[in-house]
Amino acid sequence: MEEITETKKVTCTVCPRGCQMTVTRKGEEVTVEGATCARGRAYGREELLDPKRMITTTVRVSPQIAEDFLLPVRSASPVPKKLLLAIAEACRGTTLDRAVKIGDVVIPDVLGCGVDMVATADVPEK
């Protein structure tokens, strides 16, 4: 059986240094070249094996709560990059029918990925 070999160029975003890294996977072994710290090496490894991103988007608010209002929301923590479009679609299909404050959970455990979508603005009672 042939070993899987994959290489990816990554710019580290863990700190302002922005190390240019080359991440290579040969079979189960992952090597990171160009990182100057352990956090950068961990970031490079994750970026190759299971990249994650924060997502910000909006959800509709029911007219009974607020007229023509879109509530800005964000993920409480990074979500798998492969789910970004599906999460955006889930948010697009959501209509909020209650007042919320900044930080309140709007969509718990979005798409079963273990991350909540939280409000980044207040929606007061009408």
PDB file of N, CA and C in Angstrom:
ATOM      1  N   MET A   1       0.842  -1.175   0.000  1.00  0.00           N
ATOM      2  CA  MET A   1       0.000   0.000   0.000  1.00  0.00           C
ATOM      3  C   MET A   1       0.889   1.240   0.000  1.00  0.00           C
ATOM      4  N   GLU A   2       0.556   2.222  -0.861  1.00  0.00           N
ATOM      5  CA  GLU A   2       1.344   3.438  -1.010  1.00  0.00           C
ATOM      6  C   GLU A   2       1.013   4.443   0.085  1.00  0.00           C
ATOM      7  N   GLU A   3       2.060   5.089   0.634  1.00  0.00           N
ATOM      8  CA  GLU A   3       1.865   6.105   1.657  1.00  0.00           C
ATOM      9  C   GLU A   3       1.254   7.369   1.063  1.00  0.00           C
ATOM     10  N   ILE A   4       0.354   7.982   1.808  1.00  0.00           N
ATOM     11  CA  ILE A   4      -0.223   9.256   1.398  1.00  0.00           C
ATOM     12  C   ILE A   4       0.783  10.349   1.711  1.00  0.00           C
ATOM     13  N   THR A   5       1.100  11.168   0.707  1.00  0.00           N
ATOM     14  CA  THR A   5       1.992  12.302   0.901  1.00  0.00           C
ATOM     15  C   THR A   5       1.240  13.561   0.504  1.00  0.00           C
ATOM     16  N   GLU A   6       1.255  14.538   1.400  1.00  0.00           N
ATOM     17  CA  GLU A   6       0.552  15.792   1.162  1.00  0.00           C
ATOM     18  C   GLU A   6       1.399  16.921   1.739  1.00  0.00           C
ATOM     19  N   THR A   7       1.524  18.012   0.997  1.00  0.00           N
ATOM     20  CA  THR A   7       2.278  19.171   1.458  1.00  0.00           C
ATOM     21  C   THR A   7       1.432  20.423   1.278  1.00  0.00           C
ATOM     22  N   LYS A   8       1.512  21.308   2.269  1.00  0.00           N
ATOM     23  CA  LYS A   8       0.734  22.542   2.224  1.00  0.00           C
ATOM     24  C   LYS A   8       1.580  23.688   2.771  1.00  0.00           C
ATOM     25  N   LYS A   9       1.561  24.825   2.080  1.00  0.00           N
ATOM     26  CA  LYS A   9       2.211  26.050   2.553  1.00  0.00           C
ATOM     27  C   LYS A   9       1.206  26.769   3.440  1.00  0.00           C
ATOM     28  N   VAL A  10       1.631  27.174   4.639  1.00  0.00           N
ATOM     29  CA  VAL A  10       0.739  27.783   5.610  1.00  0.00           C
ATOM     30  C   VAL A  10       1.414  29.017   6.201  1.00  0.00           C
ATOM     31  N   THR A  11       0.655  30.098   6.331  1.00  0.00           N
ATOM     32  CA  THR A  11       1.118  31.261   7.066  1.00  0.00           C
ATOM     33  C   THR A  11       0.481  31.196   8.446  1.00  0.00           C
ATOM     34  N   CYS A  12       1.305  31.149   9.464  1.00  0.00           N
ATOM     35  CA  CYS A  12       0.807  31.019  10.828  1.00  0.00           C
ATOM     36  C   CYS A  12       0.106  32.311  11.248  1.00  0.00           C
ATOM     37  N   THR A  13      -1.039  32.162  11.913  1.00  0.00           N
ATOM     38  CA  THR A  13      -1.794  33.320  12.401  1.00  0.00           C
ATOM     39  C   THR A  13      -1.893  33.329  13.922  1.00  0.00           C
ATOM     40  N   VAL A  14      -1.111  32.496  14.583  1.00  0.00           N
ATOM     41  CA  VAL A  14      -1.163  32.411  16.042  1.00  0.00           C
ATOM     42  C   VAL A  14      -0.615  33.683  16.685  1.00  0.00           C
ATOM     43  N   CYS A  15       0.410  34.270  16.113  1.00  0.00           N
ATOM     44  CA  CYS A  15       0.984  35.507  16.655  1.00  0.00           C
ATOM     45  C   CYS A  15       1.316  36.445  15.488  1.00  0.00           C
ATOM     46  N   PRO A  16       1.705  37.666  15.774  1.00  0.00           N
ATOM     47  CA  PRO A  16       1.999  38.635  14.698  1.00  0.00           C
ATOM     48  C   PRO A  16       3.207  38.300  13.833  1.00  0.00           C
ATOM     49  N   ARG A  17       4.030  37.345  14.252  1.00  0.00           N
ATOM     50  CA  ARG A  17       5.239  37.019  13.494  1.00  0.00           C
ATOM     51  C   ARG A  17       4.903  36.500  12.092  1.00  0.00           C
ATOM     52  N   GLY A  18       3.841  35.727  11.940  1.00  0.00           N
ATOM     53  CA  GLY A  18       3.406  35.240  10.632  1.00  0.00           C
ATOM     54  C   GLY A  18       4.384  34.309   9.960  1.00  0.00           C
ATOM     55  N   CYS A  19       4.874  33.331  10.672  1.00  0.00           N
ATOM     56  CA  CYS A  19       5.845  32.378  10.112  1.00  0.00           C
ATOM     57  C   CYS A  19       5.290  31.703   8.859  1.00  0.00           C
ATOM     58  N   GLN A  20       6.143  31.566   7.860  1.00  0.00           N
ATOM     59  CA  GLN A  20       5.805  30.838   6.645  1.00  0.00           C
ATOM     60  C   GLN A  20       6.233  29.394   6.859  1.00  0.00           C
ATOM     61  N   MET A  21       5.257  28.503   6.877  1.00  0.00           N
ATOM     62  CA  MET A  21       5.544  27.112   7.206  1.00  0.00           C
ATOM     63  C   MET A  21       5.214  26.203   6.027  1.00  0.00           C
ATOM     64  N   THR A  22       5.919  25.091   5.988  1.00  0.00           N
ATOM     65  CA  THR A  22       5.615  24.012   5.061  1.00  0.00           C
ATOM     66  C   THR A  22       5.239  22.814   5.912  1.00  0.00           C
ATOM     67  N   VAL A  23       4.013  22.340   5.720  1.00  0.00           N
ATOM     68  CA  VAL A  23       3.509  21.213   6.507  1.00  0.00           C
ATOM     69  C   VAL A  23       3.395  20.013   5.574  1.00  0.00           C
ATOM     70  N   THR A  24       4.002  18.909   5.984  1.00  0.00           N
ATOM     71  CA  THR A  24       4.025  17.720   5.140  1.00  0.00           C
ATOM     72  C   THR A  24       3.513  16.524   5.926  1.00  0.00           C
ATOM     73  N   ARG A  25       2.688  15.749   5.254  1.00  0.00           N
ATOM     74  CA  ARG A  25       2.200  14.500   5.851  1.00  0.00           C
ATOM     75  C   ARG A  25       2.662  13.348   4.976  1.00  0.00           C
ATOM     76  N   LYS A  26       3.315  12.393   5.603  1.00  0.00           N
ATOM     77  CA  LYS A  26       3.703  11.142   4.942  1.00  0.00           C
ATOM     78  C   LYS A  26       3.119  10.032   5.780  1.00  0.00           C
ATOM     79  N   GLY A  27       2.071   9.418   5.267  1.00  0.00           N
ATOM     80  CA  GLY A  27       1.371   8.410   6.051  1.00  0.00           C
ATOM     81  C   GLY A  27       0.751   9.058   7.267  1.00  0.00           C
ATOM     82  N   GLU A  28       1.115   8.606   8.446  1.00  0.00           N
ATOM     83  CA  GLU A  28       0.583   9.160   9.698  1.00  0.00           C
ATOM     84  C   GLU A  28       1.480  10.247  10.274  1.00  0.00           C
ATOM     85  N   GLU A  29       2.685  10.405   9.735  1.00  0.00           N
ATOM     86  CA  GLU A  29       3.649  11.364  10.270  1.00  0.00           C
ATOM     87  C   GLU A  29       3.446  12.746   9.646  1.00  0.00           C
ATOM     88  N   VAL A  30       3.378  13.776  10.497  1.00  0.00           N
ATOM     89  CA  VAL A  30       3.234  15.159  10.039  1.00  0.00           C
ATOM     90  C   VAL A  30       4.443  15.945  10.519  1.00  0.00           C
ATOM     91  N   THR A  31       5.102  16.640   9.583  1.00  0.00           N
ATOM     92  CA  THR A  31       6.228  17.499   9.939  1.00  0.00           C
ATOM     93  C   THR A  31       5.892  18.936   9.580  1.00  0.00           C
ATOM     94  N   VAL A  32       6.363  19.863  10.423  1.00  0.00           N
ATOM     95  CA  VAL A  32       6.131  21.291  10.208  1.00  0.00           C
ATOM     96  C   VAL A  32       7.491  21.968  10.178  1.00  0.00           C
ATOM     97  N   GLU A  33       7.799  22.608   9.042  1.00  0.00           N
ATOM     98  CA  GLU A  33       9.065  23.331   8.898  1.00  0.00           C
ATOM     99  C   GLU A  33       8.765  24.825   8.800  1.00  0.00           C
ATOM    100  N   GLY A  34       9.578  25.630   9.479  1.00  0.00           N
ATOM    101  CA  GLY A  34       9.440  27.069   9.396  1.00  0.00           C
ATOM    102  C   GLY A  34       8.751  27.703  10.591  1.00  0.00           C
ATOM    103  N   ALA A  35       8.174  26.910  11.465  1.00  0.00           N
ATOM    104  CA  ALA A  35       7.533  27.449  12.670  1.00  0.00           C
ATOM    105  C   ALA A  35       8.614  27.757  13.696  1.00  0.00           C
ATOM    106  N   THR A  36       8.441  28.870  14.420  1.00  0.00           N
ATOM    107  CA  THR A  36       9.443  29.237  15.422  1.00  0.00           C
ATOM    108  C   THR A  36       8.994  28.929  16.853  1.00  0.00           C
ATOM    109  N   CYS A  37       7.783  28.381  17.002  1.00  0.00           N
ATOM    110  CA  CYS A  37       7.317  28.051  18.355  1.00  0.00           C
ATOM    111  C   CYS A  37       6.407  26.814  18.304  1.00  0.00           C
ATOM    112  N   ALA A  38       6.147  26.248  19.470  1.00  0.00           N
ATOM    113  CA  ALA A  38       5.297  25.048  19.566  1.00  0.00           C
ATOM    114  C   ALA A  38       3.864  25.358  19.141  1.00  0.00           C
ATOM    115  N   ARG A  39       3.369  26.551  19.476  1.00  0.00           N
ATOM    116  CA  ARG A  39       1.996  26.914  19.083  1.00  0.00           C
ATOM    117  C   ARG A  39       1.874  26.963  17.559  1.00  0.00           C
ATOM    118  N   GLY A  40       2.901  27.463  16.889  1.00  0.00           N
ATOM    119  CA  GLY A  40       2.901  27.510  15.431  1.00  0.00           C
ATOM    120  C   GLY A  40       2.933  26.117  14.820  1.00  0.00           C
ATOM    121  N   ARG A  41       3.717  25.233  15.410  1.00  0.00           N
ATOM    122  CA  ARG A  41       3.762  23.853  14.918  1.00  0.00           C
ATOM    123  C   ARG A  41       2.395  23.181  15.074  1.00  0.00           C
ATOM    124  N   ALA A  42       1.743  23.415  16.218  1.00  0.00           N
ATOM    125  CA  ALA A  42       0.407  22.844  16.438  1.00  0.00           C
ATOM    126  C   ALA A  42      -0.594  23.421  15.438  1.00  0.00           C
ATOM    127  N   TYR A  43      -0.505  24.729  15.174  1.00  0.00           N
ATOM    128  CA  TYR A  43      -1.397  25.369  14.205  1.00  0.00           C
ATOM    129  C   TYR A  43      -1.186  24.778  12.812  1.00  0.00           C
ATOM    130  N   GLY A  44       0.057  24.615  12.407  1.00  0.00           N
ATOM    131  CA  GLY A  44       0.356  24.053  11.086  1.00  0.00           C
ATOM    132  C   GLY A  44      -0.183  22.644  10.935  1.00  0.00           C
ATOM    133  N   ARG A  45      -0.013  21.844  11.973  1.00  0.00           N
ATOM    134  CA  ARG A  45      -0.524  20.464  11.955  1.00  0.00           C
ATOM    135  C   ARG A  45      -2.043  20.470  11.816  1.00  0.00           C
ATOM    136  N   GLU A  46      -2.724  21.293  12.623  1.00  0.00           N
ATOM    137  CA  GLU A  46      -4.185  21.363  12.554  1.00  0.00           C
ATOM    138  C   GLU A  46      -4.655  21.886  11.193  1.00  0.00           C
ATOM    139  N   GLU A  47      -3.920  22.848  10.642  1.00  0.00           N
ATOM    140  CA  GLU A  47      -4.311  23.428   9.354  1.00  0.00           C
ATOM    141  C   GLU A  47      -4.259  22.395   8.235  1.00  0.00           C
ATOM    142  N   LEU A  48      -3.395  21.426   8.343  1.00  0.00           N
ATOM    143  CA  LEU A  48      -3.326  20.367   7.334  1.00  0.00           C
ATOM    144  C   LEU A  48      -4.362  19.278   7.595  1.00  0.00           C
ATOM    145  N   LEU A  49      -4.487  18.854   8.859  1.00  0.00           N
ATOM    146  CA  LEU A  49      -5.331  17.704   9.174  1.00  0.00           C
ATOM    147  C   LEU A  49      -6.811  18.048   9.370  1.00  0.00           C
ATOM    148  N   ASP A  50      -7.105  19.156  10.037  1.00  0.00           N
ATOM    149  CA  ASP A  50      -8.491  19.513  10.351  1.00  0.00           C
ATOM    150  C   ASP A  50      -8.608  21.025  10.541  1.00  0.00           C
ATOM    151  N   PRO A  51      -8.553  21.797   9.446  1.00  0.00           N
ATOM    152  CA  PRO A  51      -8.580  23.259   9.581  1.00  0.00           C
ATOM    153  C   PRO A  51      -9.900  23.756  10.171  1.00  0.00           C
ATOM    154  N   LYS A  52      -9.793  24.795  11.002  1.00  0.00           N
ATOM    155  CA  LYS A  52     -10.963  25.380  11.643  1.00  0.00           C
ATOM    156  C   LYS A  52     -10.947  26.887  11.460  1.00  0.00           C
ATOM    157  N   ARG A  53     -12.128  27.470  11.477  1.00  0.00           N
ATOM    158  CA  ARG A  53     -12.274  28.922  11.326  1.00  0.00           C
ATOM    159  C   ARG A  53     -13.413  29.414  12.203  1.00  0.00           C
ATOM    160  N   MET A  54     -13.340  30.672  12.589  1.00  0.00           N
ATOM    161  CA  MET A  54     -14.478  31.347  13.208  1.00  0.00           C
ATOM    162  C   MET A  54     -15.405  31.727  12.056  1.00  0.00           C
ATOM    163  N   ILE A  55     -16.687  31.829  12.329  1.00  0.00           N
ATOM    164  CA  ILE A  55     -17.628  32.276  11.310  1.00  0.00           C
ATOM    165  C   ILE A  55     -18.498  33.378  11.899  1.00  0.00           C
ATOM    166  N   THR A  56     -18.698  34.410  11.124  1.00  0.00           N
ATOM    167  CA  THR A  56     -19.625  35.480  11.486  1.00  0.00           C
ATOM    168  C   THR A  56     -20.638  35.600  10.360  1.00  0.00           C
ATOM    169  N   THR A  57     -21.888  35.772  10.715  1.00  0.00           N
ATOM    170  CA  THR A  57     -22.967  35.888   9.734  1.00  0.00           C
ATOM    171  C   THR A  57     -24.153  36.561  10.412  1.00  0.00           C
ATOM    172  N   THR A  58     -25.330  36.411   9.859  1.00  0.00           N
ATOM    173  CA  THR A  58     -26.529  37.015  10.446  1.00  0.00           C
ATOM    174  C   THR A  58     -27.668  36.006  10.471  1.00  0.00           C
ATOM    175  N   VAL A  59     -28.639  36.278  11.342  1.00  0.00           N
ATOM    176  CA  VAL A  59     -29.899  35.538  11.345  1.00  0.00           C
ATOM    177  C   VAL A  59     -31.028  36.565  11.306  1.00  0.00           C
ATOM    178  N   ARG A  60     -32.130  36.174  10.704  1.00  0.00           N
ATOM    179  CA  ARG A  60     -33.291  37.056  10.639  1.00  0.00           C
ATOM    180  C   ARG A  60     -33.941  37.158  12.018  1.00  0.00           C
ATOM    181  N   VAL A  61     -34.574  38.299  12.247  1.00  0.00           N
ATOM    182  CA  VAL A  61     -35.339  38.501  13.471  1.00  0.00           C
ATOM    183  C   VAL A  61     -36.797  38.639  13.072  1.00  0.00           C
ATOM    184  N   SER A  62     -37.668  37.944  13.766  1.00  0.00           N
ATOM    185  CA  SER A  62     -39.101  37.967  13.483  1.00  0.00           C
ATOM    186  C   SER A  62     -39.634  39.397  13.524  1.00  0.00           C
ATOM    187  N   PRO A  63     -40.545  39.748  12.602  1.00  0.00           N
ATOM    188  CA  PRO A  63     -41.133  41.095  12.606  1.00  0.00           C
ATOM    189  C   PRO A  63     -41.858  41.416  13.918  1.00  0.00           C
ATOM    190  N   GLN A  64     -42.311  40.402  14.649  1.00  0.00           N
ATOM    191  CA  GLN A  64     -42.958  40.645  15.936  1.00  0.00           C
ATOM    192  C   GLN A  64     -41.954  41.149  16.976  1.00  0.00           C
ATOM    193  N   ILE A  65     -40.683  40.893  16.746  1.00  0.00           N
ATOM    194  CA  ILE A  65     -39.629  41.322  17.671  1.00  0.00           C
ATOM    195  C   ILE A  65     -39.005  42.632  17.204  1.00  0.00           C
ATOM    196  N   ALA A  66     -38.641  42.716  15.936  1.00  0.00           N
ATOM    197  CA  ALA A  66     -38.020  43.923  15.370  1.00  0.00           C
ATOM    198  C   ALA A  66     -38.285  43.963  13.874  1.00  0.00           C
ATOM    199  N   GLU A  67     -38.547  45.135  13.343  1.00  0.00           N
ATOM    200  CA  GLU A  67     -38.813  45.301  11.915  1.00  0.00           C
ATOM    201  C   GLU A  67     -37.515  45.291  11.108  1.00  0.00           C
ATOM    202  N   ASP A  68     -37.482  44.500  10.029  1.00  0.00           N
ATOM    203  CA  ASP A  68     -36.348  44.473   9.092  1.00  0.00           C
ATOM    204  C   ASP A  68     -35.000  44.453   9.795  1.00  0.00           C
ATOM    205  N   PHE A  69     -34.821  43.507  10.669  1.00  0.00           N
ATOM    206  CA  PHE A  69     -33.591  43.455  11.451  1.00  0.00           C
ATOM    207  C   PHE A  69     -32.883  42.132  11.223  1.00  0.00           C
ATOM    208  N   LEU A  70     -31.602  42.218  10.924  1.00  0.00           N
ATOM    209  CA  LEU A  70     -30.741  41.045  10.866  1.00  0.00           C
ATOM    210  C   LEU A  70     -29.808  41.114  12.064  1.00  0.00           C
ATOM    211  N   LEU A  71     -29.759  40.047  12.813  1.00  0.00           N
ATOM    212  CA  LEU A  71     -28.920  40.000  14.005  1.00  0.00           C
ATOM    213  C   LEU A  71     -27.555  39.422  13.641  1.00  0.00           C
ATOM    214  N   PRO A  72     -26.469  40.162  13.917  1.00  0.00           N
ATOM    215  CA  PRO A  72     -25.148  39.587  13.682  1.00  0.00           C
ATOM    216  C   PRO A  72     -24.844  38.512  14.729  1.00  0.00           C
ATOM    217  N   VAL A  73     -24.300  37.391  14.268  1.00  0.00           N
ATOM    218  CA  VAL A  73     -23.931  36.279  15.141  1.00  0.00           C
ATOM    219  C   VAL A  73     -22.539  35.793  14.763  1.00  0.00           C
ATOM    220  N   ARG A  74     -21.922  35.074  15.695  1.00  0.00           N
ATOM    221  CA  ARG A  74     -20.611  34.464  15.423  1.00  0.00           C
ATOM    222  C   ARG A  74     -20.553  33.123  16.130  1.00  0.00           C
ATOM    223  N   SER A  75     -19.610  32.309  15.694  1.00  0.00           N
ATOM    224  CA  SER A  75     -19.412  31.031  16.374  1.00  0.00           C
ATOM    225  C   SER A  75     -18.700  31.301  17.702  1.00  0.00           C
ATOM    226  N   ALA A  76     -19.058  30.542  18.713  1.00  0.00           N
ATOM    227  CA  ALA A  76     -18.450  30.713  20.032  1.00  0.00           C
ATOM    228  C   ALA A  76     -16.986  30.268  20.040  1.00  0.00           C
ATOM    229  N   SER A  77     -16.622  29.404  19.122  1.00  0.00           N
ATOM    230  CA  SER A  77     -15.250  28.941  18.954  1.00  0.00           C
ATOM    231  C   SER A  77     -15.091  28.508  17.494  1.00  0.00           C
ATOM    232  N   PRO A  78     -13.875  28.226  17.057  1.00  0.00           N
ATOM    233  CA  PRO A  78     -13.695  27.815  15.661  1.00  0.00           C
ATOM    234  C   PRO A  78     -14.476  26.548  15.319  1.00  0.00           C
ATOM    235  N   VAL A  79     -14.953  26.505  14.075  1.00  0.00           N
ATOM    236  CA  VAL A  79     -15.705  25.351  13.569  1.00  0.00           C
ATOM    237  C   VAL A  79     -14.908  24.720  12.423  1.00  0.00           C
ATOM    238  N   PRO A  80     -15.140  23.455  12.115  1.00  0.00           N
ATOM    239  CA  PRO A  80     -14.445  22.839  10.982  1.00  0.00           C
ATOM    240  C   PRO A  80     -14.686  23.630   9.697  1.00  0.00           C
ATOM    241  N   LYS A  81     -13.617  23.914   8.990  1.00  0.00           N
ATOM    242  CA  LYS A  81     -13.685  24.715   7.773  1.00  0.00           C
ATOM    243  C   LYS A  81     -14.652  24.113   6.749  1.00  0.00           C
ATOM    244  N   LYS A  82     -14.727  22.798   6.698  1.00  0.00           N
ATOM    245  CA  LYS A  82     -15.598  22.131   5.738  1.00  0.00           C
ATOM    246  C   LYS A  82     -17.075  22.396   6.012  1.00  0.00           C
ATOM    247  N   LEU A  83     -17.416  22.899   7.210  1.00  0.00           N
ATOM    248  CA  LEU A  83     -18.819  23.169   7.559  1.00  0.00           C
ATOM    249  C   LEU A  83     -19.226  24.634   7.404  1.00  0.00           C
ATOM    250  N   LEU A  84     -18.312  25.505   6.997  1.00  0.00           N
ATOM    251  CA  LEU A  84     -18.614  26.937   6.946  1.00  0.00           C
ATOM    252  C   LEU A  84     -19.852  27.264   6.112  1.00  0.00           C
ATOM    253  N   LEU A  85     -19.930  26.758   4.905  1.00  0.00           N
ATOM    254  CA  LEU A  85     -21.080  27.075   4.049  1.00  0.00           C
ATOM    255  C   LEU A  85     -22.377  26.493   4.604  1.00  0.00           C
ATOM    256  N   ALA A  86     -22.320  25.290   5.133  1.00  0.00           N
ATOM    257  CA  ALA A  86     -23.518  24.667   5.710  1.00  0.00           C
ATOM    258  C   ALA A  86     -23.991  25.442   6.939  1.00  0.00           C
ATOM    259  N   ILE A  87     -23.064  25.923   7.748  1.00  0.00           N
ATOM    260  CA  ILE A  87     -23.440  26.717   8.921  1.00  0.00           C
ATOM    261  C   ILE A  87     -24.055  28.037   8.482  1.00  0.00           C
ATOM    262  N   ALA A  88     -23.490  28.660   7.468  1.00  0.00           N
ATOM    263  CA  ALA A  88     -24.061  29.905   6.947  1.00  0.00           C
ATOM    264  C   ALA A  88     -25.489  29.665   6.453  1.00  0.00           C
ATOM    265  N   GLU A  89     -25.712  28.548   5.787  1.00  0.00           N
ATOM    266  CA  GLU A  89     -27.061  28.207   5.311  1.00  0.00           C
ATOM    267  C   GLU A  89     -28.015  27.965   6.487  1.00  0.00           C
ATOM    268  N   ALA A  90     -27.535  27.291   7.523  1.00  0.00           N
ATOM    269  CA  ALA A  90     -28.368  27.045   8.701  1.00  0.00           C
ATOM    270  C   ALA A  90     -28.765  28.369   9.359  1.00  0.00           C
ATOM    271  N   CYS A  91     -27.835  29.299   9.413  1.00  0.00           N
ATOM    272  CA  CYS A  91     -28.140  30.615   9.983  1.00  0.00           C
ATOM    273  C   CYS A  91     -29.121  31.375   9.095  1.00  0.00           C
ATOM    274  N   ARG A  92     -28.931  31.253   7.809  1.00  0.00           N
ATOM    275  CA  ARG A  92     -29.833  31.915   6.859  1.00  0.00           C
ATOM    276  C   ARG A  92     -31.265  31.405   6.996  1.00  0.00           C
ATOM    277  N   GLY A  93     -31.420  30.157   7.357  1.00  0.00           N
ATOM    278  CA  GLY A  93     -32.741  29.562   7.516  1.00  0.00           C
ATOM    279  C   GLY A  93     -33.325  29.728   8.910  1.00  0.00           C
ATOM    280  N   THR A  94     -32.647  30.464   9.764  1.00  0.00           N
ATOM    281  CA  THR A  94     -33.107  30.653  11.144  1.00  0.00           C
ATOM    282  C   THR A  94     -33.771  32.017  11.291  1.00  0.00           C
ATOM    283  N   THR A  95     -34.913  32.050  11.959  1.00  0.00           N
ATOM    284  CA  THR A  95     -35.576  33.306  12.305  1.00  0.00           C
ATOM    285  C   THR A  95     -35.717  33.360  13.813  1.00  0.00           C
ATOM    286  N   LEU A  96     -35.134  34.370  14.406  1.00  0.00           N
ATOM    287  CA  LEU A  96     -35.155  34.543  15.858  1.00  0.00           C
ATOM    288  C   LEU A  96     -36.498  35.113  16.282  1.00  0.00           C
ATOM    289  N   ASP A  97     -37.110  34.520  17.293  1.00  0.00           N
ATOM    290  CA  ASP A  97     -38.435  34.971  17.720  1.00  0.00           C
ATOM    291  C   ASP A  97     -38.447  35.419  19.187  1.00  0.00           C
ATOM    292  N   ARG A  98     -37.297  35.900  19.647  1.00  0.00           N
ATOM    293  CA  ARG A  98     -37.209  36.353  21.037  1.00  0.00           C
ATOM    294  C   ARG A  98     -36.139  37.435  21.159  1.00  0.00           C
ATOM    295  N   ALA A  99     -36.210  38.186  22.232  1.00  0.00           N
ATOM    296  CA  ALA A  99     -35.181  39.184  22.515  1.00  0.00           C
ATOM    297  C   ALA A  99     -33.913  38.471  22.989  1.00  0.00           C
ATOM    298  N   VAL A 100     -32.756  39.030  22.651  1.00  0.00           N
ATOM    299  CA  VAL A 100     -31.483  38.471  23.104  1.00  0.00           C
ATOM    300  C   VAL A 100     -30.526  39.598  23.465  1.00  0.00           C
ATOM    301  N   LYS A 101     -29.523  39.246  24.243  1.00  0.00           N
ATOM    302  CA  LYS A 101     -28.445  40.175  24.580  1.00  0.00           C
ATOM    303  C   LYS A 101     -27.147  39.643  23.982  1.00  0.00           C
ATOM    304  N   ILE A 102     -26.172  40.507  23.845  1.00  0.00           N
ATOM    305  CA  ILE A 102     -24.869  40.094  23.333  1.00  0.00           C
ATOM    306  C   ILE A 102     -24.363  38.893  24.121  1.00  0.00           C
ATOM    307  N   GLY A 103     -23.935  37.871  23.421  1.00  0.00           N
ATOM    308  CA  GLY A 103     -23.395  36.668  24.050  1.00  0.00           C
ATOM    309  C   GLY A 103     -24.409  35.557  24.246  1.00  0.00           C
ATOM    310  N   ASP A 104     -25.709  35.869  24.101  1.00  0.00           N
ATOM    311  CA  ASP A 104     -26.728  34.824  24.234  1.00  0.00           C
ATOM    312  C   ASP A 104     -26.606  33.817  23.089  1.00  0.00           C
ATOM    313  N   VAL A 105     -26.861  32.562  23.388  1.00  0.00           N
ATOM    314  CA  VAL A 105     -26.839  31.516  22.370  1.00  0.00           C
ATOM    315  C   VAL A 105     -28.074  31.657  21.488  1.00  0.00           C
ATOM    316  N   VAL A 106     -27.859  31.763  20.189  1.00  0.00           N
ATOM    317  CA  VAL A 106     -28.946  31.888  19.221  1.00  0.00           C
ATOM    318  C   VAL A 106     -29.238  30.530  18.589  1.00  0.00           C
ATOM    319  N   ILE A 107     -28.190  29.801  18.237  1.00  0.00           N
ATOM    320  CA  ILE A 107     -28.333  28.445  17.693  1.00  0.00           C
ATOM    321  C   ILE A 107     -27.379  27.537  18.483  1.00  0.00           C
ATOM    322  N   PRO A 108     -27.920  26.713  19.369  1.00  0.00           N
ATOM    323  CA  PRO A 108     -27.043  25.813  20.117  1.00  0.00           C
ATOM    324  C   PRO A 108     -26.534  24.673  19.240  1.00  0.00           C
ATOM    325  N   ASP A 109     -25.286  24.299  19.449  1.00  0.00           N
ATOM    326  CA  ASP A 109     -24.690  23.135  18.771  1.00  0.00           C
ATOM    327  C   ASP A 109     -25.042  23.104  17.281  1.00  0.00           C
ATOM    328  N   VAL A 110     -24.696  24.163  16.575  1.00  0.00           N
ATOM    329  CA  VAL A 110     -25.052  24.295  15.161  1.00  0.00           C
ATOM    330  C   VAL A 110     -24.548  23.085  14.367  1.00  0.00           C
ATOM    331  N   LEU A 111     -25.444  22.462  13.637  1.00  0.00           N
ATOM    332  CA  LEU A 111     -25.175  21.281  12.807  1.00  0.00           C
ATOM    333  C   LEU A 111     -24.504  20.140  13.573  1.00  0.00           C
ATOM    334  N   GLY A 112     -24.666  20.114  14.879  1.00  0.00           N
ATOM    335  CA  GLY A 112     -24.101  19.042  15.675  1.00  0.00           C
ATOM    336  C   GLY A 112     -22.590  19.062  15.777  1.00  0.00           C
ATOM    337  N   CYS A 113     -21.966  20.221  15.482  1.00  0.00           N
ATOM    338  CA  CYS A 113     -20.500  20.283  15.510  1.00  0.00           C
ATOM    339  C   CYS A 113     -19.959  20.650  16.885  1.00  0.00           C
ATOM    340  N   GLY A 114     -20.850  20.850  17.871  1.00  0.00           N
ATOM    341  CA  GLY A 114     -20.398  21.145  19.220  1.00  0.00           C
ATOM    342  C   GLY A 114     -20.130  22.610  19.501  1.00  0.00           C
ATOM    343  N   VAL A 115     -20.474  23.481  18.557  1.00  0.00           N
ATOM    344  CA  VAL A 115     -20.223  24.918  18.723  1.00  0.00           C
ATOM    345  C   VAL A 115     -21.542  25.668  18.618  1.00  0.00           C
ATOM    346  N   ASP A 116     -21.739  26.637  19.524  1.00  0.00           N
ATOM    347  CA  ASP A 116     -22.942  27.471  19.510  1.00  0.00           C
ATOM    348  C   ASP A 116     -22.716  28.718  18.669  1.00  0.00           C
ATOM    349  N   MET A 117     -23.788  29.217  18.066  1.00  0.00           N
ATOM    350  CA  MET A 117     -23.780  30.525  17.417  1.00  0.00           C
ATOM    351  C   MET A 117     -24.343  31.518  18.437  1.00  0.00           C
ATOM    352  N   VAL A 118     -23.597  32.599  18.682  1.00  0.00           N
ATOM    353  CA  VAL A 118     -23.985  33.558  19.715  1.00  0.00           C
ATOM    354  C   VAL A 118     -24.232  34.934  19.109  1.00  0.00           C
ATOM    355  N   ALA A 119     -25.115  35.689  19.769  1.00  0.00           N
ATOM    356  CA  ALA A 119     -25.451  37.049  19.328  1.00  0.00           C
ATOM    357  C   ALA A 119     -24.280  37.992  19.571  1.00  0.00           C
ATOM    358  N   THR A 120     -24.069  38.919  18.631  1.00  0.00           N
ATOM    359  CA  THR A 120     -23.034  39.938  18.818  1.00  0.00           C
ATOM    360  C   THR A 120     -23.672  41.329  18.897  1.00  0.00           C
ATOM    361  N   ALA A 121     -24.988  41.367  19.086  1.00  0.00           N
ATOM    362  CA  ALA A 121     -25.724  42.613  19.310  1.00  0.00           C
ATOM    363  C   ALA A 121     -26.950  42.276  20.131  1.00  0.00           C
ATOM    364  N   ASP A 122     -27.544  43.298  20.715  1.00  0.00           N
ATOM    365  CA  ASP A 122     -28.779  43.111  21.475  1.00  0.00           C
ATOM    366  C   ASP A 122     -29.981  43.211  20.554  1.00  0.00           C
ATOM    367  N   VAL A 123     -31.007  42.435  20.845  1.00  0.00           N
ATOM    368  CA  VAL A 123     -32.322  42.578  20.216  1.00  0.00           C
ATOM    369  C   VAL A 123     -33.293  42.804  21.370  1.00  0.00           C
ATOM    370  N   PRO A 124     -33.668  44.072  21.602  1.00  0.00           N
ATOM    371  CA  PRO A 124     -34.564  44.347  22.731  1.00  0.00           C
ATOM    372  C   PRO A 124     -36.002  43.931  22.442  1.00  0.00           C
ATOM    373  N   GLU A 125     -36.775  43.783  23.492  1.00  0.00           N
ATOM    374  CA  GLU A 125     -38.222  43.519  23.351  1.00  0.00           C
ATOM    375  C   GLU A 125     -38.847  44.687  22.602  1.00  0.00           C
ATOM    376  N   LYS A 126     -39.832  44.398  21.784  1.00  0.00           N
ATOM    377  CA  LYS A 126     -40.520  45.446  21.011  1.00  0.00           C
ATOM    378  C   LYS A 126     -41.481  46.212  21.879  1.00  0.00           C
TER     379      LYS A 126
END
